[in-house]
Amino acid sequence: MRMIFMACLVTLAAACGAPPAAPSTAAAPIEIADAWAASTPDGVTVSAGYMRITNSQDTAETLVAIESPRAGRAELHEMAMEDGVMRMRRVEGLVIEPGQSALLSPRRRASYVL
């Protein structure tokens, strides 16, 4: 909703002949960095992807879905060792607190699966 409001505001300012705004030096509200996906051998249809998600906003954000143009389906999972067996469970949402980062990593036991 904020993006629609900002787009309308910019369009209105341009129509009124307002000077262009100076480039913003503010960080993006949500930043994705260091994204990568594990390579798979031929015939394997499941892969895993990893990234760092940083929330620069003043409020918490919850990641509730993941999409990829390279997969028909993508899911967010966490892994945990239980009784000597690694278990993977789907996560319905990942809360990223204000000013914090979520690291989806094979070492941190969180990933998204394509």
N, C-alpha and C. Protein backbone atom coordinates (compact mmCIF):
# COMPACT_ATOMS: atom_id res chain seq x y z
N MET A 1 0.82 -1.18 0.00
CA MET A 1 0.00 0.00 0.00
C MET A 1 0.87 1.25 0.00
N ARG A 2 1.97 1.22 0.78
CA ARG A 2 2.87 2.38 0.82
C ARG A 2 3.44 2.67 -0.56
N MET A 3 3.75 1.59 -1.32
CA MET A 3 4.34 1.78 -2.64
C MET A 3 3.34 2.45 -3.58
N ILE A 4 2.06 2.06 -3.51
CA ILE A 4 1.04 2.67 -4.35
C ILE A 4 0.90 4.15 -3.99
N PHE A 5 0.86 4.46 -2.69
CA PHE A 5 0.76 5.83 -2.23
C PHE A 5 1.94 6.64 -2.74
N MET A 6 3.16 6.11 -2.62
CA MET A 6 4.34 6.83 -3.07
C MET A 6 4.31 7.05 -4.58
N ALA A 7 3.87 6.05 -5.33
CA ALA A 7 3.79 6.20 -6.78
C ALA A 7 2.80 7.30 -7.15
N CYS A 8 1.66 7.36 -6.46
CA CYS A 8 0.68 8.41 -6.72
C CYS A 8 1.25 9.78 -6.35
N LEU A 9 1.96 9.85 -5.24
CA LEU A 9 2.55 11.10 -4.79
C LEU A 9 3.58 11.61 -5.80
N VAL A 10 4.44 10.71 -6.29
CA VAL A 10 5.45 11.10 -7.27
C VAL A 10 4.79 11.56 -8.56
N THR A 11 3.75 10.85 -8.99
CA THR A 11 3.04 11.24 -10.22
C THR A 11 2.40 12.61 -10.05
N LEU A 12 1.79 12.85 -8.91
CA LEU A 12 1.17 14.15 -8.65
C LEU A 12 2.22 15.26 -8.64
N ALA A 13 3.35 15.04 -7.99
CA ALA A 13 4.41 16.05 -7.95
C ALA A 13 4.94 16.34 -9.35
N ALA A 14 5.09 15.32 -10.16
CA ALA A 14 5.58 15.52 -11.53
C ALA A 14 4.57 16.32 -12.36
N ALA A 15 3.29 16.04 -12.16
CA ALA A 15 2.25 16.75 -12.90
C ALA A 15 2.19 18.22 -12.50
N CYS A 16 2.55 18.53 -11.26
CA CYS A 16 2.52 19.91 -10.78
C CYS A 16 3.81 20.66 -11.11
N GLY A 17 4.75 20.02 -11.73
CA GLY A 17 5.98 20.68 -12.10
C GLY A 17 6.99 20.77 -10.97
N ALA A 18 6.86 19.95 -9.95
CA ALA A 18 7.80 19.95 -8.84
C ALA A 18 9.16 19.45 -9.32
N PRO A 19 10.24 19.98 -8.75
CA PRO A 19 11.56 19.49 -9.15
C PRO A 19 11.74 18.04 -8.74
N PRO A 20 12.57 17.31 -9.49
CA PRO A 20 12.78 15.91 -9.14
C PRO A 20 13.45 15.80 -7.77
N ALA A 21 13.09 14.77 -7.05
CA ALA A 21 13.65 14.54 -5.71
C ALA A 21 15.09 14.08 -5.83
N ALA A 22 15.88 14.43 -4.82
CA ALA A 22 17.27 13.97 -4.79
C ALA A 22 17.29 12.46 -4.61
N PRO A 23 18.29 11.77 -5.16
CA PRO A 23 18.38 10.32 -4.98
C PRO A 23 18.43 9.96 -3.50
N SER A 24 17.73 8.92 -3.15
CA SER A 24 17.69 8.47 -1.75
C SER A 24 18.94 7.69 -1.41
N THR A 25 19.48 7.94 -0.24
CA THR A 25 20.63 7.16 0.24
C THR A 25 20.19 6.18 1.32
N ALA A 26 18.87 6.12 1.57
CA ALA A 26 18.35 5.21 2.59
C ALA A 26 18.46 3.76 2.11
N ALA A 27 18.66 2.88 3.05
CA ALA A 27 18.72 1.46 2.73
C ALA A 27 17.33 0.96 2.36
N ALA A 28 17.29 -0.09 1.56
CA ALA A 28 16.01 -0.70 1.21
C ALA A 28 15.38 -1.26 2.47
N PRO A 29 14.04 -1.19 2.59
CA PRO A 29 13.39 -1.70 3.80
C PRO A 29 13.67 -3.18 4.06
N ILE A 30 13.66 -3.97 3.00
CA ILE A 30 14.00 -5.40 3.09
C ILE A 30 15.09 -5.65 2.05
N GLU A 31 16.20 -6.21 2.48
CA GLU A 31 17.31 -6.46 1.57
C GLU A 31 17.63 -7.95 1.53
N ILE A 32 17.80 -8.47 0.33
CA ILE A 32 18.21 -9.85 0.12
C ILE A 32 19.66 -9.82 -0.33
N ALA A 33 20.52 -10.59 0.33
CA ALA A 33 21.94 -10.61 -0.02
C ALA A 33 22.46 -12.04 0.00
N ASP A 34 23.53 -12.24 -0.72
CA ASP A 34 24.26 -13.52 -0.72
C ASP A 34 23.37 -14.71 -1.09
N ALA A 35 22.43 -14.51 -1.99
CA ALA A 35 21.54 -15.61 -2.39
C ALA A 35 22.28 -16.59 -3.29
N TRP A 36 22.08 -17.88 -3.02
CA TRP A 36 22.66 -18.92 -3.86
C TRP A 36 21.84 -20.20 -3.72
N ALA A 37 21.96 -21.06 -4.69
CA ALA A 37 21.25 -22.35 -4.66
C ALA A 37 22.25 -23.47 -4.88
N ALA A 38 22.02 -24.54 -4.20
CA ALA A 38 22.88 -25.71 -4.34
C ALA A 38 22.69 -26.34 -5.72
N SER A 39 23.77 -26.73 -6.35
CA SER A 39 23.66 -27.39 -7.65
C SER A 39 23.24 -28.84 -7.42
N THR A 40 22.57 -29.40 -8.42
CA THR A 40 22.10 -30.77 -8.31
C THR A 40 22.51 -31.56 -9.54
N PRO A 41 22.67 -32.87 -9.40
CA PRO A 41 22.98 -33.71 -10.56
C PRO A 41 21.77 -33.85 -11.48
N ASP A 42 22.01 -34.27 -12.70
CA ASP A 42 20.92 -34.49 -13.65
C ASP A 42 19.87 -35.42 -13.06
N GLY A 43 18.61 -35.10 -13.33
CA GLY A 43 17.51 -35.95 -12.88
C GLY A 43 16.99 -35.64 -11.49
N VAL A 44 17.71 -34.83 -10.71
CA VAL A 44 17.26 -34.46 -9.37
C VAL A 44 16.34 -33.26 -9.50
N THR A 45 15.16 -33.36 -8.91
CA THR A 45 14.16 -32.30 -9.07
C THR A 45 14.00 -31.42 -7.84
N VAL A 46 14.74 -31.68 -6.78
CA VAL A 46 14.66 -30.88 -5.56
C VAL A 46 16.02 -30.26 -5.30
N SER A 47 16.01 -29.00 -4.93
CA SER A 47 17.25 -28.29 -4.61
C SER A 47 17.01 -27.45 -3.37
N ALA A 48 18.03 -26.75 -2.93
CA ALA A 48 17.89 -25.86 -1.78
C ALA A 48 18.54 -24.53 -2.11
N GLY A 49 17.99 -23.46 -1.57
CA GLY A 49 18.54 -22.13 -1.77
C GLY A 49 18.75 -21.46 -0.43
N TYR A 50 19.68 -20.52 -0.41
CA TYR A 50 20.07 -19.88 0.84
C TYR A 50 20.27 -18.38 0.60
N MET A 51 20.12 -17.58 1.66
CA MET A 51 20.27 -16.13 1.53
C MET A 51 20.26 -15.49 2.90
N ARG A 52 20.57 -14.20 2.93
CA ARG A 52 20.43 -13.38 4.13
C ARG A 52 19.34 -12.35 3.81
N ILE A 53 18.35 -12.24 4.72
CA ILE A 53 17.27 -11.28 4.57
C ILE A 53 17.39 -10.28 5.73
N THR A 54 17.55 -9.00 5.41
CA THR A 54 17.71 -7.97 6.43
C THR A 54 16.51 -7.04 6.43
N ASN A 55 15.97 -6.79 7.61
CA ASN A 55 14.82 -5.90 7.79
C ASN A 55 15.33 -4.58 8.37
N SER A 56 15.35 -3.52 7.57
CA SER A 56 15.80 -2.20 8.01
C SER A 56 14.66 -1.32 8.49
N GLN A 57 13.48 -1.87 8.61
CA GLN A 57 12.31 -1.10 9.01
C GLN A 57 12.22 -1.00 10.54
N ASP A 58 11.25 -0.23 11.00
CA ASP A 58 11.01 -0.07 12.43
C ASP A 58 10.03 -1.11 12.97
N THR A 59 9.49 -1.94 12.10
CA THR A 59 8.53 -2.96 12.51
C THR A 59 8.98 -4.33 12.01
N ALA A 60 8.54 -5.36 12.69
CA ALA A 60 8.87 -6.73 12.28
C ALA A 60 8.15 -7.06 10.97
N GLU A 61 8.76 -7.91 10.19
CA GLU A 61 8.15 -8.41 8.96
C GLU A 61 8.17 -9.94 9.03
N THR A 62 7.17 -10.56 8.42
CA THR A 62 7.09 -12.02 8.40
C THR A 62 7.13 -12.51 6.97
N LEU A 63 8.11 -13.34 6.67
CA LEU A 63 8.19 -13.99 5.36
C LEU A 63 7.20 -15.14 5.37
N VAL A 64 6.21 -15.09 4.48
CA VAL A 64 5.17 -16.12 4.47
C VAL A 64 5.15 -16.93 3.19
N ALA A 65 5.90 -16.50 2.17
CA ALA A 65 5.91 -17.24 0.90
C ALA A 65 7.20 -16.96 0.16
N ILE A 66 7.58 -17.91 -0.66
CA ILE A 66 8.76 -17.78 -1.52
C ILE A 66 8.34 -18.25 -2.91
N GLU A 67 8.79 -17.52 -3.93
CA GLU A 67 8.53 -17.89 -5.32
C GLU A 67 9.85 -17.92 -6.06
N SER A 68 9.91 -18.76 -7.07
CA SER A 68 11.08 -18.81 -7.93
C SER A 68 10.62 -19.07 -9.36
N PRO A 69 11.17 -18.31 -10.31
CA PRO A 69 10.80 -18.57 -11.71
C PRO A 69 11.38 -19.89 -12.20
N ARG A 70 12.28 -20.49 -11.45
CA ARG A 70 12.93 -21.74 -11.86
C ARG A 70 12.27 -22.97 -11.27
N ALA A 71 11.20 -22.78 -10.48
CA ALA A 71 10.56 -23.92 -9.84
C ALA A 71 9.05 -23.75 -9.82
N GLY A 72 8.35 -24.82 -9.93
CA GLY A 72 6.89 -24.78 -9.86
C GLY A 72 6.41 -24.54 -8.44
N ARG A 73 7.25 -24.89 -7.48
CA ARG A 73 6.88 -24.74 -6.07
C ARG A 73 8.13 -24.46 -5.25
N ALA A 74 8.00 -23.59 -4.26
CA ALA A 74 9.10 -23.30 -3.34
C ALA A 74 8.53 -23.24 -1.93
N GLU A 75 9.26 -23.80 -0.97
CA GLU A 75 8.81 -23.86 0.42
C GLU A 75 9.94 -23.45 1.34
N LEU A 76 9.58 -22.89 2.47
CA LEU A 76 10.52 -22.52 3.51
C LEU A 76 10.57 -23.65 4.53
N HIS A 77 11.78 -24.13 4.85
CA HIS A 77 11.95 -25.25 5.79
C HIS A 77 13.00 -24.93 6.84
N GLU A 78 12.90 -25.63 7.96
CA GLU A 78 13.97 -25.63 8.94
C GLU A 78 14.36 -27.08 9.19
N MET A 79 15.61 -27.28 9.53
CA MET A 79 16.11 -28.62 9.79
C MET A 79 16.62 -28.70 11.21
N ALA A 80 16.44 -29.85 11.83
CA ALA A 80 16.93 -30.05 13.19
C ALA A 80 17.30 -31.51 13.37
N MET A 81 18.36 -31.75 14.13
CA MET A 81 18.78 -33.10 14.44
C MET A 81 17.92 -33.63 15.59
N GLU A 82 17.25 -34.76 15.36
CA GLU A 82 16.41 -35.40 16.37
C GLU A 82 16.77 -36.87 16.45
N ASP A 83 17.26 -37.30 17.62
CA ASP A 83 17.64 -38.69 17.84
C ASP A 83 18.61 -39.19 16.77
N GLY A 84 19.56 -38.35 16.41
CA GLY A 84 20.58 -38.73 15.44
C GLY A 84 20.13 -38.69 14.00
N VAL A 85 18.93 -38.20 13.73
CA VAL A 85 18.39 -38.12 12.36
C VAL A 85 18.07 -36.66 12.06
N MET A 86 18.51 -36.18 10.91
CA MET A 86 18.19 -34.82 10.49
C MET A 86 16.76 -34.80 9.97
N ARG A 87 15.93 -33.95 10.55
CA ARG A 87 14.53 -33.82 10.16
C ARG A 87 14.31 -32.45 9.54
N MET A 88 13.49 -32.42 8.49
CA MET A 88 13.18 -31.16 7.83
C MET A 88 11.67 -30.93 7.98
N ARG A 89 11.33 -29.72 8.41
CA ARG A 89 9.92 -29.37 8.60
C ARG A 89 9.62 -28.05 7.91
N ARG A 90 8.44 -27.97 7.31
CA ARG A 90 8.01 -26.74 6.65
C ARG A 90 7.73 -25.67 7.71
N VAL A 91 8.10 -24.43 7.39
CA VAL A 91 7.87 -23.28 8.26
C VAL A 91 6.77 -22.44 7.61
N GLU A 92 5.75 -22.10 8.38
CA GLU A 92 4.64 -21.30 7.85
C GLU A 92 4.99 -19.82 7.76
N GLY A 93 5.93 -19.35 8.56
CA GLY A 93 6.33 -17.95 8.52
C GLY A 93 7.64 -17.76 9.26
N LEU A 94 8.42 -16.82 8.80
CA LEU A 94 9.70 -16.50 9.42
C LEU A 94 9.68 -15.02 9.79
N VAL A 95 9.64 -14.73 11.10
CA VAL A 95 9.59 -13.35 11.57
C VAL A 95 11.00 -12.78 11.57
N ILE A 96 11.14 -11.59 10.97
CA ILE A 96 12.42 -10.88 10.96
C ILE A 96 12.18 -9.58 11.72
N GLU A 97 12.80 -9.48 12.88
CA GLU A 97 12.61 -8.34 13.76
C GLU A 97 13.23 -7.07 13.16
N PRO A 98 12.80 -5.89 13.60
CA PRO A 98 13.37 -4.63 13.09
C PRO A 98 14.88 -4.58 13.31
N GLY A 99 15.60 -4.19 12.28
CA GLY A 99 17.04 -4.06 12.37
C GLY A 99 17.79 -5.37 12.44
N GLN A 100 17.12 -6.49 12.22
CA GLN A 100 17.74 -7.81 12.31
C GLN A 100 17.82 -8.47 10.94
N SER A 101 18.60 -9.54 10.87
CA SER A 101 18.71 -10.34 9.66
C SER A 101 18.34 -11.78 9.96
N ALA A 102 17.78 -12.44 8.97
CA ALA A 102 17.54 -13.88 9.03
C ALA A 102 18.51 -14.51 8.05
N LEU A 103 19.30 -15.44 8.51
CA LEU A 103 20.27 -16.14 7.67
C LEU A 103 19.72 -17.51 7.34
N LEU A 104 19.39 -17.72 6.08
CA LEU A 104 18.95 -19.02 5.61
C LEU A 104 20.19 -19.70 5.06
N SER A 105 20.69 -20.68 5.78
CA SER A 105 22.00 -21.24 5.52
C SER A 105 22.01 -22.74 5.81
N PRO A 106 22.82 -23.51 5.09
CA PRO A 106 22.92 -24.93 5.43
C PRO A 106 23.55 -25.12 6.82
N ARG A 107 24.31 -24.17 7.27
CA ARG A 107 24.93 -24.27 8.59
C ARG A 107 23.98 -23.84 9.70
N ARG A 108 23.00 -22.99 9.38
CA ARG A 108 22.06 -22.50 10.39
C ARG A 108 20.80 -23.34 10.40
N ARG A 109 20.73 -24.36 9.60
CA ARG A 109 19.60 -25.29 9.58
C ARG A 109 18.29 -24.66 9.09
N ALA A 110 18.38 -23.66 8.26
CA ALA A 110 17.17 -23.08 7.66
C ALA A 110 17.43 -22.88 6.18
N SER A 111 16.45 -23.16 5.38
CA SER A 111 16.61 -23.01 3.94
C SER A 111 15.24 -22.91 3.28
N TYR A 112 15.26 -22.59 2.01
CA TYR A 112 14.04 -22.75 1.25
C TYR A 112 14.32 -23.82 0.23
N VAL A 113 13.31 -24.60 -0.07
CA VAL A 113 13.44 -25.74 -0.97
C VAL A 113 12.67 -25.46 -2.24
N LEU A 114 13.32 -25.70 -3.38
CA LEU A 114 12.67 -25.52 -4.68
C LEU A 114 12.15 -26.85 -5.18
